[in-house]
Amino acid sequence: MKSILLSAAFVMMTFGVGLGMVYFILYDQANDQTRNLLRRGLQETMLSVSAVPIDQRKAAVLNTFSDYITPDLLEGYETRIDLMDFHASPLAIRIKMTVTSRGNLFPIQITSEETMIEVQG
């Protein structure tokens, strides 16, 4: 009887560790993709918006960023983009991206902020 209980406890512990590893892998993958997408999107936005006249830059920032990252967004996740700070000349953009999973099994919420400043040279 004792061996049956120990075996059942071992199976449950193994199952728990396995679920924990699955959650860690899902979180790490979503976090990595979110950060890379934010960084690449901000770089492309800086390049595109720097060609726009200074008085029209603020209006173009979020549209350009959203258009660039939309094809690469994670499936099954809801993404919110906020323009935290903006300076037209020299161009400085700070964007916050919040990604939340829609699934109920592993609730994941990732918040990333990135700032990029144009260097005159």
PDB file of N, CA and C in Angstrom:
ATOM      1  N   MET A   1       0.812  -1.186   0.000  1.00  0.00           N
ATOM      2  CA  MET A   1       0.000   0.000   0.000  1.00  0.00           C
ATOM      3  C   MET A   1       0.859   1.256   0.000  1.00  0.00           C
ATOM      4  N   LYS A   2       1.963   1.187   0.753  1.00  0.00           N
ATOM      5  CA  LYS A   2       2.861   2.325   0.839  1.00  0.00           C
ATOM      6  C   LYS A   2       3.491   2.618  -0.521  1.00  0.00           C
ATOM      7  N   SER A   3       3.863   1.600  -1.268  1.00  0.00           N
ATOM      8  CA  SER A   3       4.491   1.801  -2.577  1.00  0.00           C
ATOM      9  C   SER A   3       3.498   2.396  -3.584  1.00  0.00           C
ATOM     10  N   ILE A   4       2.231   2.048  -3.453  1.00  0.00           N
ATOM     11  CA  ILE A   4       1.215   2.606  -4.347  1.00  0.00           C
ATOM     12  C   ILE A   4       1.061   4.113  -4.093  1.00  0.00           C
ATOM     13  N   LEU A   5       1.052   4.508  -2.823  1.00  0.00           N
ATOM     14  CA  LEU A   5       0.946   5.926  -2.488  1.00  0.00           C
ATOM     15  C   LEU A   5       2.178   6.696  -2.952  1.00  0.00           C
ATOM     16  N   LEU A   6       3.349   6.133  -2.751  1.00  0.00           N
ATOM     17  CA  LEU A   6       4.574   6.785  -3.205  1.00  0.00           C
ATOM     18  C   LEU A   6       4.608   6.902  -4.730  1.00  0.00           C
ATOM     19  N   SER A   7       4.160   5.879  -5.407  1.00  0.00           N
ATOM     20  CA  SER A   7       4.112   5.918  -6.869  1.00  0.00           C
ATOM     21  C   SER A   7       3.131   6.980  -7.358  1.00  0.00           C
ATOM     22  N   ALA A   8       1.975   7.066  -6.733  1.00  0.00           N
ATOM     23  CA  ALA A   8       0.979   8.075  -7.103  1.00  0.00           C
ATOM     24  C   ALA A   8       1.511   9.480  -6.827  1.00  0.00           C
ATOM     25  N   ALA A   9       2.185   9.666  -5.705  1.00  0.00           N
ATOM     26  CA  ALA A   9       2.764  10.969  -5.370  1.00  0.00           C
ATOM     27  C   ALA A   9       3.843  11.351  -6.379  1.00  0.00           C
ATOM     28  N   PHE A  10       4.656  10.380  -6.778  1.00  0.00           N
ATOM     29  CA  PHE A  10       5.704  10.631  -7.766  1.00  0.00           C
ATOM     30  C   PHE A  10       5.107  11.026  -9.122  1.00  0.00           C
ATOM     31  N   VAL A  11       4.042  10.343  -9.528  1.00  0.00           N
ATOM     32  CA  VAL A  11       3.385  10.664 -10.806  1.00  0.00           C
ATOM     33  C   VAL A  11       2.790  12.066 -10.751  1.00  0.00           C
ATOM     34  N   MET A  12       2.158  12.411  -9.645  1.00  0.00           N
ATOM     35  CA  MET A  12       1.561  13.753  -9.522  1.00  0.00           C
ATOM     36  C   MET A  12       2.647  14.826  -9.497  1.00  0.00           C
ATOM     37  N   MET A  13       3.746  14.555  -8.816  1.00  0.00           N
ATOM     38  CA  MET A  13       4.845  15.513  -8.783  1.00  0.00           C
ATOM     39  C   MET A  13       5.452  15.692 -10.173  1.00  0.00           C
ATOM     40  N   THR A  14       5.635  14.616 -10.903  1.00  0.00           N
ATOM     41  CA  THR A  14       6.169  14.682 -12.258  1.00  0.00           C
ATOM     42  C   THR A  14       5.227  15.468 -13.169  1.00  0.00           C
ATOM     43  N   PHE A  15       3.933  15.246 -13.028  1.00  0.00           N
ATOM     44  CA  PHE A  15       2.944  15.976 -13.808  1.00  0.00           C
ATOM     45  C   PHE A  15       3.011  17.476 -13.494  1.00  0.00           C
ATOM     46  N   GLY A  16       3.134  17.830 -12.229  1.00  0.00           N
ATOM     47  CA  GLY A  16       3.239  19.235 -11.822  1.00  0.00           C
ATOM     48  C   GLY A  16       4.492  19.902 -12.357  1.00  0.00           C
ATOM     49  N   VAL A  17       5.616  19.194 -12.281  1.00  0.00           N
ATOM     50  CA  VAL A  17       6.871  19.738 -12.813  1.00  0.00           C
ATOM     51  C   VAL A  17       6.770  19.919 -14.331  1.00  0.00           C
ATOM     52  N   GLY A  18       6.146  18.957 -15.000  1.00  0.00           N
ATOM     53  CA  GLY A  18       5.954  19.060 -16.454  1.00  0.00           C
ATOM     54  C   GLY A  18       5.107  20.257 -16.834  1.00  0.00           C
ATOM     55  N   LEU A  19       4.010  20.486 -16.115  1.00  0.00           N
ATOM     56  CA  LEU A  19       3.173  21.656 -16.377  1.00  0.00           C
ATOM     57  C   LEU A  19       3.926  22.957 -16.109  1.00  0.00           C
ATOM     58  N   GLY A  20       4.731  22.969 -15.059  1.00  0.00           N
ATOM     59  CA  GLY A  20       5.539  24.153 -14.763  1.00  0.00           C
ATOM     60  C   GLY A  20       6.532  24.449 -15.867  1.00  0.00           C
ATOM     61  N   MET A  21       7.135  23.414 -16.427  1.00  0.00           N
ATOM     62  CA  MET A  21       8.096  23.615 -17.520  1.00  0.00           C
ATOM     63  C   MET A  21       7.388  24.101 -18.787  1.00  0.00           C
ATOM     64  N   VAL A  22       6.195  23.575 -19.050  1.00  0.00           N
ATOM     65  CA  VAL A  22       5.420  24.033 -20.209  1.00  0.00           C
ATOM     66  C   VAL A  22       5.087  25.514 -20.052  1.00  0.00           C
ATOM     67  N   TYR A  23       4.658  25.918 -18.861  1.00  0.00           N
ATOM     68  CA  TYR A  23       4.350  27.329 -18.609  1.00  0.00           C
ATOM     69  C   TYR A  23       5.590  28.187 -18.805  1.00  0.00           C
ATOM     70  N   PHE A  24       6.723  27.756 -18.286  1.00  0.00           N
ATOM     71  CA  PHE A  24       7.968  28.523 -18.432  1.00  0.00           C
ATOM     72  C   PHE A  24       8.345  28.678 -19.899  1.00  0.00           C
ATOM     73  N   ILE A  25       8.237  27.610 -20.676  1.00  0.00           N
ATOM     74  CA  ILE A  25       8.588  27.671 -22.099  1.00  0.00           C
ATOM     75  C   ILE A  25       7.634  28.598 -22.849  1.00  0.00           C
ATOM     76  N   LEU A  26       6.331  28.514 -22.569  1.00  0.00           N
ATOM     77  CA  LEU A  26       5.363  29.408 -23.210  1.00  0.00           C
ATOM     78  C   LEU A  26       5.639  30.867 -22.857  1.00  0.00           C
ATOM     79  N   TYR A  27       5.907  31.127 -21.589  1.00  0.00           N
ATOM     80  CA  TYR A  27       6.182  32.500 -21.157  1.00  0.00           C
ATOM     81  C   TYR A  27       7.461  33.031 -21.795  1.00  0.00           C
ATOM     82  N   ASP A  28       8.505  32.216 -21.780  1.00  0.00           N
ATOM     83  CA  ASP A  28       9.789  32.647 -22.328  1.00  0.00           C
ATOM     84  C   ASP A  28       9.695  32.910 -23.828  1.00  0.00           C
ATOM     85  N   GLN A  29       8.997  32.063 -24.550  1.00  0.00           N
ATOM     86  CA  GLN A  29       8.849  32.244 -25.991  1.00  0.00           C
ATOM     87  C   GLN A  29       8.043  33.510 -26.292  1.00  0.00           C
ATOM     88  N   ALA A  30       6.937  33.724 -25.582  1.00  0.00           N
ATOM     89  CA  ALA A  30       6.113  34.912 -25.804  1.00  0.00           C
ATOM     90  C   ALA A  30       6.869  36.179 -25.418  1.00  0.00           C
ATOM     91  N   ASN A  31       7.620  36.133 -24.338  1.00  0.00           N
ATOM     92  CA  ASN A  31       8.408  37.285 -23.901  1.00  0.00           C
ATOM     93  C   ASN A  31       9.482  37.629 -24.922  1.00  0.00           C
ATOM     94  N   ASP A  32      10.187  36.637 -25.409  1.00  0.00           N
ATOM     95  CA  ASP A  32      11.241  36.860 -26.395  1.00  0.00           C
ATOM     96  C   ASP A  32      10.668  37.425 -27.700  1.00  0.00           C
ATOM     97  N   GLN A  33       9.584  36.853 -28.183  1.00  0.00           N
ATOM     98  CA  GLN A  33       8.983  37.341 -29.423  1.00  0.00           C
ATOM     99  C   GLN A  33       8.430  38.752 -29.252  1.00  0.00           C
ATOM    100  N   THR A  34       7.858  39.048 -28.097  1.00  0.00           N
ATOM    101  CA  THR A  34       7.329  40.393 -27.840  1.00  0.00           C
ATOM    102  C   THR A  34       8.436  41.424 -27.836  1.00  0.00           C
ATOM    103  N   ARG A  35       9.520  41.133 -27.149  1.00  0.00           N
ATOM    104  CA  ARG A  35      10.632  42.084 -27.086  1.00  0.00           C
ATOM    105  C   ARG A  35      11.285  42.293 -28.452  1.00  0.00           C
ATOM    106  N   ASN A  36      11.487  41.217 -29.193  1.00  0.00           N
ATOM    107  CA  ASN A  36      12.088  41.349 -30.527  1.00  0.00           C
ATOM    108  C   ASN A  36      11.172  42.121 -31.469  1.00  0.00           C
ATOM    109  N   LEU A  37       9.881  41.841 -31.413  1.00  0.00           N
ATOM    110  CA  LEU A  37       8.923  42.538 -32.272  1.00  0.00           C
ATOM    111  C   LEU A  37       8.862  44.016 -31.917  1.00  0.00           C
ATOM    112  N   LEU A  38       8.885  44.336 -30.650  1.00  0.00           N
ATOM    113  CA  LEU A  38       8.872  45.729 -30.215  1.00  0.00           C
ATOM    114  C   LEU A  38      10.120  46.457 -30.687  1.00  0.00           C
ATOM    115  N   ARG A  39      11.262  45.837 -30.528  1.00  0.00           N
ATOM    116  CA  ARG A  39      12.525  46.462 -30.930  1.00  0.00           C
ATOM    117  C   ARG A  39      12.597  46.672 -32.447  1.00  0.00           C
ATOM    118  N   ARG A  40      12.255  45.628 -33.221  1.00  0.00           N
ATOM    119  CA  ARG A  40      12.285  45.760 -34.683  1.00  0.00           C
ATOM    120  C   ARG A  40      11.256  46.772 -35.177  1.00  0.00           C
ATOM    121  N   GLY A  41      10.061  46.738 -34.573  1.00  0.00           N
ATOM    122  CA  GLY A  41       9.018  47.679 -34.967  1.00  0.00           C
ATOM    123  C   GLY A  41       9.404  49.115 -34.683  1.00  0.00           C
ATOM    124  N   LEU A  42      10.056  49.336 -33.550  1.00  0.00           N
ATOM    125  CA  LEU A  42      10.495  50.682 -33.202  1.00  0.00           C
ATOM    126  C   LEU A  42      11.607  51.160 -34.127  1.00  0.00           C
ATOM    127  N   GLN A  43      12.516  50.276 -34.499  1.00  0.00           N
ATOM    128  CA  GLN A  43      13.568  50.652 -35.452  1.00  0.00           C
ATOM    129  C   GLN A  43      12.981  51.046 -36.804  1.00  0.00           C
ATOM    130  N   GLU A  44      12.055  50.240 -37.299  1.00  0.00           N
ATOM    131  CA  GLU A  44      11.427  50.554 -38.589  1.00  0.00           C
ATOM    132  C   GLU A  44      10.589  51.824 -38.503  1.00  0.00           C
ATOM    133  N   THR A  45       9.935  52.037 -37.379  1.00  0.00           N
ATOM    134  CA  THR A  45       9.147  53.249 -37.197  1.00  0.00           C
ATOM    135  C   THR A  45      10.049  54.478 -37.193  1.00  0.00           C
ATOM    136  N   MET A  46      11.187  54.381 -36.520  1.00  0.00           N
ATOM    137  CA  MET A  46      12.135  55.502 -36.499  1.00  0.00           C
ATOM    138  C   MET A  46      12.602  55.843 -37.911  1.00  0.00           C
ATOM    139  N   LEU A  47      12.926  54.813 -38.691  1.00  0.00           N
ATOM    140  CA  LEU A  47      13.383  55.064 -40.060  1.00  0.00           C
ATOM    141  C   LEU A  47      12.287  55.688 -40.915  1.00  0.00           C
ATOM    142  N   SER A  48      11.072  55.193 -40.783  1.00  0.00           N
ATOM    143  CA  SER A  48       9.959  55.707 -41.598  1.00  0.00           C
ATOM    144  C   SER A  48       9.541  57.110 -41.177  1.00  0.00           C
ATOM    145  N   VAL A  49       9.449  57.338 -39.878  1.00  0.00           N
ATOM    146  CA  VAL A  49       8.954  58.619 -39.385  1.00  0.00           C
ATOM    147  C   VAL A  49      10.003  59.724 -39.533  1.00  0.00           C
ATOM    148  N   SER A  50      11.267  59.376 -39.574  1.00  0.00           N
ATOM    149  CA  SER A  50      12.301  60.414 -39.729  1.00  0.00           C
ATOM    150  C   SER A  50      12.213  61.093 -41.088  1.00  0.00           C
ATOM    151  N   ALA A  51      11.573  60.446 -42.068  1.00  0.00           N
ATOM    152  CA  ALA A  51      11.410  61.043 -43.394  1.00  0.00           C
ATOM    153  C   ALA A  51      10.165  61.930 -43.486  1.00  0.00           C
ATOM    154  N   VAL A  52       9.301  61.874 -42.470  1.00  0.00           N
ATOM    155  CA  VAL A  52       8.064  62.669 -42.447  1.00  0.00           C
ATOM    156  C   VAL A  52       8.383  64.066 -41.912  1.00  0.00           C
ATOM    157  N   PRO A  53       7.698  65.110 -42.412  1.00  0.00           N
ATOM    158  CA  PRO A  53       7.913  66.456 -41.854  1.00  0.00           C
ATOM    159  C   PRO A  53       7.658  66.480 -40.341  1.00  0.00           C
ATOM    160  N   ILE A  54       8.391  67.330 -39.645  1.00  0.00           N
ATOM    161  CA  ILE A  54       8.387  67.343 -38.182  1.00  0.00           C
ATOM    162  C   ILE A  54       6.993  67.541 -37.602  1.00  0.00           C
ATOM    163  N   ASP A  55       6.170  68.399 -38.187  1.00  0.00           N
ATOM    164  CA  ASP A  55       4.850  68.671 -37.625  1.00  0.00           C
ATOM    165  C   ASP A  55       3.863  67.513 -37.803  1.00  0.00           C
ATOM    166  N   GLN A  56       4.175  66.529 -38.640  1.00  0.00           N
ATOM    167  CA  GLN A  56       3.289  65.397 -38.885  1.00  0.00           C
ATOM    168  C   GLN A  56       3.799  64.087 -38.265  1.00  0.00           C
ATOM    169  N   ARG A  57       4.889  64.150 -37.560  1.00  0.00           N
ATOM    170  CA  ARG A  57       5.516  62.927 -37.037  1.00  0.00           C
ATOM    171  C   ARG A  57       4.688  62.220 -35.982  1.00  0.00           C
ATOM    172  N   LYS A  58       4.108  62.963 -35.037  1.00  0.00           N
ATOM    173  CA  LYS A  58       3.389  62.321 -33.939  1.00  0.00           C
ATOM    174  C   LYS A  58       2.199  61.517 -34.446  1.00  0.00           C
ATOM    175  N   ALA A  59       1.506  62.047 -35.439  1.00  0.00           N
ATOM    176  CA  ALA A  59       0.349  61.334 -35.987  1.00  0.00           C
ATOM    177  C   ALA A  59       0.758  60.063 -36.721  1.00  0.00           C
ATOM    178  N   ALA A  60       1.960  60.042 -37.262  1.00  0.00           N
ATOM    179  CA  ALA A  60       2.410  58.901 -38.058  1.00  0.00           C
ATOM    180  C   ALA A  60       3.017  57.771 -37.225  1.00  0.00           C
ATOM    181  N   VAL A  61       3.395  58.048 -35.996  1.00  0.00           N
ATOM    182  CA  VAL A  61       4.135  57.065 -35.198  1.00  0.00           C
ATOM    183  C   VAL A  61       3.338  55.787 -34.947  1.00  0.00           C
ATOM    184  N   LEU A  62       2.182  55.889 -34.315  1.00  0.00           N
ATOM    185  CA  LEU A  62       1.425  54.685 -33.957  1.00  0.00           C
ATOM    186  C   LEU A  62       0.909  53.941 -35.177  1.00  0.00           C
ATOM    187  N   ASN A  63       0.495  54.677 -36.210  1.00  0.00           N
ATOM    188  CA  ASN A  63       0.034  54.008 -37.436  1.00  0.00           C
ATOM    189  C   ASN A  63       1.156  53.214 -38.088  1.00  0.00           C
ATOM    190  N   THR A  64       2.325  53.812 -38.180  1.00  0.00           N
ATOM    191  CA  THR A  64       3.472  53.133 -38.788  1.00  0.00           C
ATOM    192  C   THR A  64       3.883  51.924 -37.971  1.00  0.00           C
ATOM    193  N   PHE A  65       3.951  52.079 -36.644  1.00  0.00           N
ATOM    194  CA  PHE A  65       4.333  50.975 -35.765  1.00  0.00           C
ATOM    195  C   PHE A  65       3.328  49.830 -35.863  1.00  0.00           C
ATOM    196  N   SER A  66       2.042  50.148 -35.795  1.00  0.00           N
ATOM    197  CA  SER A  66       0.997  49.117 -35.871  1.00  0.00           C
ATOM    198  C   SER A  66       1.013  48.394 -37.208  1.00  0.00           C
ATOM    199  N   ASP A  67       1.193  49.140 -38.288  1.00  0.00           N
ATOM    200  CA  ASP A  67       1.240  48.512 -39.616  1.00  0.00           C
ATOM    201  C   ASP A  67       2.423  47.560 -39.745  1.00  0.00           C
ATOM    202  N   TYR A  68       3.546  47.907 -39.121  1.00  0.00           N
ATOM    203  CA  TYR A  68       4.733  47.063 -39.238  1.00  0.00           C
ATOM    204  C   TYR A  68       4.603  45.771 -38.423  1.00  0.00           C
ATOM    205  N   ILE A  69       4.073  45.853 -37.202  1.00  0.00           N
ATOM    206  CA  ILE A  69       4.071  44.668 -36.339  1.00  0.00           C
ATOM    207  C   ILE A  69       2.855  43.765 -36.516  1.00  0.00           C
ATOM    208  N   THR A  70       1.784  44.261 -37.130  1.00  0.00           N
ATOM    209  CA  THR A  70       0.549  43.484 -37.246  1.00  0.00           C
ATOM    210  C   THR A  70       0.741  42.096 -37.871  1.00  0.00           C
ATOM    211  N   PRO A  71       1.505  41.938 -38.957  1.00  0.00           N
ATOM    212  CA  PRO A  71       1.648  40.588 -39.529  1.00  0.00           C
ATOM    213  C   PRO A  71       2.367  39.594 -38.618  1.00  0.00           C
ATOM    214  N   ASP A  72       3.171  40.071 -37.683  1.00  0.00           N
ATOM    215  CA  ASP A  72       3.987  39.187 -36.848  1.00  0.00           C
ATOM    216  C   ASP A  72       3.457  39.011 -35.429  1.00  0.00           C
ATOM    217  N   LEU A  73       2.267  39.514 -35.134  1.00  0.00           N
ATOM    218  CA  LEU A  73       1.726  39.381 -33.777  1.00  0.00           C
ATOM    219  C   LEU A  73       1.472  37.916 -33.438  1.00  0.00           C
ATOM    220  N   LEU A  74       1.605  37.592 -32.163  1.00  0.00           N
ATOM    221  CA  LEU A  74       1.395  36.230 -31.698  1.00  0.00           C
ATOM    222  C   LEU A  74      -0.083  35.859 -31.796  1.00  0.00           C
ATOM    223  N   GLU A  75      -0.357  34.658 -32.275  1.00  0.00           N
ATOM    224  CA  GLU A  75      -1.737  34.180 -32.339  1.00  0.00           C
ATOM    225  C   GLU A  75      -2.182  33.729 -30.953  1.00  0.00           C
ATOM    226  N   GLY A  76      -3.419  34.010 -30.608  1.00  0.00           N
ATOM    227  CA  GLY A  76      -3.942  33.629 -29.306  1.00  0.00           C
ATOM    228  C   GLY A  76      -3.616  34.630 -28.210  1.00  0.00           C
ATOM    229  N   TYR A  77      -3.049  35.758 -28.578  1.00  0.00           N
ATOM    230  CA  TYR A  77      -2.699  36.791 -27.616  1.00  0.00           C
ATOM    231  C   TYR A  77      -3.334  38.114 -28.035  1.00  0.00           C
ATOM    232  N   GLU A  78      -3.701  38.911 -27.058  1.00  0.00           N
ATOM    233  CA  GLU A  78      -4.241  40.243 -27.306  1.00  0.00           C
ATOM    234  C   GLU A  78      -3.129  41.248 -27.046  1.00  0.00           C
ATOM    235  N   THR A  79      -2.927  42.186 -27.969  1.00  0.00           N
ATOM    236  CA  THR A  79      -1.820  43.134 -27.874  1.00  0.00           C
ATOM    237  C   THR A  79      -2.347  44.555 -27.726  1.00  0.00           C
ATOM    238  N   ARG A  80      -1.779  45.275 -26.779  1.00  0.00           N
ATOM    239  CA  ARG A  80      -2.120  46.690 -26.581  1.00  0.00           C
ATOM    240  C   ARG A  80      -0.848  47.505 -26.730  1.00  0.00           C
ATOM    241  N   ILE A  81      -0.934  48.587 -27.514  1.00  0.00           N
ATOM    242  CA  ILE A  81       0.222  49.441 -27.787  1.00  0.00           C
ATOM    243  C   ILE A  81      -0.079  50.840 -27.263  1.00  0.00           C
ATOM    244  N   ASP A  82       0.842  51.381 -26.466  1.00  0.00           N
ATOM    245  CA  ASP A  82       0.691  52.736 -25.930  1.00  0.00           C
ATOM    246  C   ASP A  82       1.918  53.554 -26.278  1.00  0.00           C
ATOM    247  N   LEU A  83       1.694  54.770 -26.753  1.00  0.00           N
ATOM    248  CA  LEU A  83       2.782  55.715 -26.994  1.00  0.00           C
ATOM    249  C   LEU A  83       3.025  56.445 -25.675  1.00  0.00           C
ATOM    250  N   MET A  84       4.108  56.096 -25.003  1.00  0.00           N
ATOM    251  CA  MET A  84       4.385  56.643 -23.672  1.00  0.00           C
ATOM    252  C   MET A  84       4.957  58.051 -23.737  1.00  0.00           C
ATOM    253  N   ASP A  85       5.856  58.282 -24.705  1.00  0.00           N
ATOM    254  CA  ASP A  85       6.499  59.585 -24.816  1.00  0.00           C
ATOM    255  C   ASP A  85       6.917  59.802 -26.253  1.00  0.00           C
ATOM    256  N   PHE A  86       6.930  61.060 -26.662  1.00  0.00           N
ATOM    257  CA  PHE A  86       7.296  61.391 -28.033  1.00  0.00           C
ATOM    258  C   PHE A  86       7.930  62.769 -28.052  1.00  0.00           C
ATOM    259  N   HIS A  87       9.006  62.891 -28.803  1.00  0.00           N
ATOM    260  CA  HIS A  87       9.652  64.184 -29.036  1.00  0.00           C
ATOM    261  C   HIS A  87       9.977  64.246 -30.518  1.00  0.00           C
ATOM    262  N   ALA A  88       9.562  65.340 -31.180  1.00  0.00           N
ATOM    263  CA  ALA A  88       9.651  65.414 -32.645  1.00  0.00           C
ATOM    264  C   ALA A  88      11.065  65.652 -33.165  1.00  0.00           C
ATOM    265  N   SER A  89      11.828  66.535 -32.528  1.00  0.00           N
ATOM    266  CA  SER A  89      13.159  66.825 -33.054  1.00  0.00           C
ATOM    267  C   SER A  89      14.119  67.077 -31.905  1.00  0.00           C
ATOM    268  N   PRO A  90      15.150  66.299 -31.714  1.00  0.00           N
ATOM    269  CA  PRO A  90      15.454  65.058 -32.413  1.00  0.00           C
ATOM    270  C   PRO A  90      14.400  64.002 -32.071  1.00  0.00           C
ATOM    271  N   LEU A  91      14.188  63.127 -33.000  1.00  0.00           N
ATOM    272  CA  LEU A  91      13.127  62.143 -32.879  1.00  0.00           C
ATOM    273  C   LEU A  91      13.408  61.189 -31.722  1.00  0.00           C
ATOM    274  N   ALA A  92      12.469  61.133 -30.781  1.00  0.00           N
ATOM    275  CA  ALA A  92      12.568  60.216 -29.638  1.00  0.00           C
ATOM    276  C   ALA A  92      11.197  59.594 -29.427  1.00  0.00           C
ATOM    277  N   ILE A  93      11.152  58.270 -29.395  1.00  0.00           N
ATOM    278  CA  ILE A  93       9.890  57.553 -29.247  1.00  0.00           C
ATOM    279  C   ILE A  93      10.037  56.537 -28.123  1.00  0.00           C
ATOM    280  N   ARG A  94       9.010  56.485 -27.264  1.00  0.00           N
ATOM    281  CA  ARG A  94       8.957  55.469 -26.214  1.00  0.00           C
ATOM    282  C   ARG A  94       7.614  54.770 -26.322  1.00  0.00           C
ATOM    283  N   ILE A  95       7.646  53.467 -26.548  1.00  0.00           N
ATOM    284  CA  ILE A  95       6.431  52.693 -26.759  1.00  0.00           C
ATOM    285  C   ILE A  95       6.353  51.575 -25.720  1.00  0.00           C
ATOM    286  N   LYS A  96       5.144  51.360 -25.212  1.00  0.00           N
ATOM    287  CA  LYS A  96       4.873  50.272 -24.262  1.00  0.00           C
ATOM    288  C   LYS A  96       3.929  49.289 -24.948  1.00  0.00           C
ATOM    289  N   MET A  97       4.293  48.018 -24.911  1.00  0.00           N
ATOM    290  CA  MET A  97       3.490  46.981 -25.546  1.00  0.00           C
ATOM    291  C   MET A  97       3.120  45.948 -24.481  1.00  0.00           C
ATOM    292  N   THR A  98       1.820  45.704 -24.334  1.00  0.00           N
ATOM    293  CA  THR A  98       1.321  44.728 -23.374  1.00  0.00           C
ATOM    294  C   THR A  98       0.652  43.592 -24.124  1.00  0.00           C
ATOM    295  N   VAL A  99       1.126  42.377 -23.882  1.00  0.00           N
ATOM    296  CA  VAL A  99       0.603  41.183 -24.542  1.00  0.00           C
ATOM    297  C   VAL A  99      -0.040  40.303 -23.478  1.00  0.00           C
ATOM    298  N   THR A 100      -1.311  39.930 -23.700  1.00  0.00           N
ATOM    299  CA  THR A 100      -2.060  39.107 -22.754  1.00  0.00           C
ATOM    300  C   THR A 100      -2.615  37.896 -23.481  1.00  0.00           C
ATOM    301  N   SER A 101      -2.434  36.713 -22.891  1.00  0.00           N
ATOM    302  CA  SER A 101      -2.950  35.501 -23.525  1.00  0.00           C
ATOM    303  C   SER A 101      -4.458  35.421 -23.357  1.00  0.00           C
ATOM    304  N   ARG A 102      -5.111  34.826 -24.345  1.00  0.00           N
ATOM    305  CA  ARG A 102      -6.560  34.636 -24.283  1.00  0.00           C
ATOM    306  C   ARG A 102      -6.924  33.286 -23.686  1.00  0.00           C
ATOM    307  N   GLY A 103      -5.955  32.400 -23.530  1.00  0.00           N
ATOM    308  CA  GLY A 103      -6.212  31.062 -22.997  1.00  0.00           C
ATOM    309  C   GLY A 103      -6.420  31.079 -21.495  1.00  0.00           C
ATOM    310  N   ASN A 104      -7.145  30.093 -20.991  1.00  0.00           N
ATOM    311  CA  ASN A 104      -7.430  30.021 -19.561  1.00  0.00           C
ATOM    312  C   ASN A 104      -6.460  29.120 -18.809  1.00  0.00           C
ATOM    313  N   LEU A 105      -5.793  28.207 -19.516  1.00  0.00           N
ATOM    314  CA  LEU A 105      -4.930  27.249 -18.838  1.00  0.00           C
ATOM    315  C   LEU A 105      -3.682  27.914 -18.261  1.00  0.00           C
ATOM    316  N   PHE A 106      -3.003  28.724 -19.070  1.00  0.00           N
ATOM    317  CA  PHE A 106      -1.797  29.409 -18.629  1.00  0.00           C
ATOM    318  C   PHE A 106      -1.954  30.913 -18.871  1.00  0.00           C
ATOM    319  N   PRO A 107      -2.443  31.667 -17.900  1.00  0.00           N
ATOM    320  CA  PRO A 107      -2.601  33.109 -18.102  1.00  0.00           C
ATOM    321  C   PRO A 107      -1.237  33.799 -18.125  1.00  0.00           C
ATOM    322  N   ILE A 108      -0.942  34.446 -19.229  1.00  0.00           N
ATOM    323  CA  ILE A 108       0.349  35.115 -19.406  1.00  0.00           C
ATOM    324  C   ILE A 108       0.083  36.574 -19.745  1.00  0.00           C
ATOM    325  N   GLN A 109       0.783  37.479 -19.062  1.00  0.00           N
ATOM    326  CA  GLN A 109       0.741  38.890 -19.410  1.00  0.00           C
ATOM    327  C   GLN A 109       2.173  39.411 -19.410  1.00  0.00           C
ATOM    328  N   ILE A 110       2.569  39.984 -20.534  1.00  0.00           N
ATOM    329  CA  ILE A 110       3.926  40.486 -20.705  1.00  0.00           C
ATOM    330  C   ILE A 110       3.848  41.963 -21.049  1.00  0.00           C
ATOM    331  N   THR A 111       4.609  42.773 -20.335  1.00  0.00           N
ATOM    332  CA  THR A 111       4.681  44.206 -20.611  1.00  0.00           C
ATOM    333  C   THR A 111       6.124  44.549 -20.934  1.00  0.00           C
ATOM    334  N   SER A 112       6.319  45.197 -22.089  1.00  0.00           N
ATOM    335  CA  SER A 112       7.657  45.608 -22.515  1.00  0.00           C
ATOM    336  C   SER A 112       7.622  47.076 -22.918  1.00  0.00           C
ATOM    337  N   GLU A 113       8.657  47.778 -22.543  1.00  0.00           N
ATOM    338  CA  GLU A 113       8.809  49.182 -22.939  1.00  0.00           C
ATOM    339  C   GLU A 113      10.141  49.329 -23.656  1.00  0.00           C
ATOM    340  N   GLU A 114      10.139  50.168 -24.655  1.00  0.00           N
ATOM    341  CA  GLU A 114      11.376  50.410 -25.412  1.00  0.00           C
ATOM    342  C   GLU A 114      11.423  51.886 -25.776  1.00  0.00           C
ATOM    343  N   THR A 115      12.594  52.473 -25.690  1.00  0.00           N
ATOM    344  CA  THR A 115      12.820  53.867 -26.055  1.00  0.00           C
ATOM    345  C   THR A 115      13.907  53.928 -27.102  1.00  0.00           C
ATOM    346  N   MET A 116      13.690  54.749 -28.112  1.00  0.00           N
ATOM    347  CA  MET A 116      14.699  54.938 -29.140  1.00  0.00           C
ATOM    348  C   MET A 116      14.831  56.424 -29.435  1.00  0.00           C
ATOM    349  N   ILE A 117      16.071  56.890 -29.567  1.00  0.00           N
ATOM    350  CA  ILE A 117      16.341  58.306 -29.809  1.00  0.00           C
ATOM    351  C   ILE A 117      17.176  58.420 -31.074  1.00  0.00           C
ATOM    352  N   GLU A 118      16.782  59.347 -31.938  1.00  0.00           N
ATOM    353  CA  GLU A 118      17.502  59.588 -33.197  1.00  0.00           C
ATOM    354  C   GLU A 118      18.820  60.310 -32.869  1.00  0.00           C
ATOM    355  N   VAL A 119      19.884  59.836 -33.455  1.00  0.00           N
ATOM    356  CA  VAL A 119      21.191  60.442 -33.237  1.00  0.00           C
ATOM    357  C   VAL A 119      21.546  61.255 -34.473  1.00  0.00           C
ATOM    358  N   GLN A 120      21.815  62.527 -34.245  1.00  0.00           N
ATOM    359  CA  GLN A 120      22.209  63.407 -35.361  1.00  0.00           C
ATOM    360  C   GLN A 120      23.684  63.172 -35.648  1.00  0.00           C
ATOM    361  N   GLY A 121      23.996  62.954 -36.895  1.00  0.00           N
ATOM    362  CA  GLY A 121      25.409  62.695 -37.134  1.00  0.00           C
ATOM    363  C   GLY A 121      25.772  62.887 -38.499  1.00  0.00           C
TER     364      GLY A 121
END
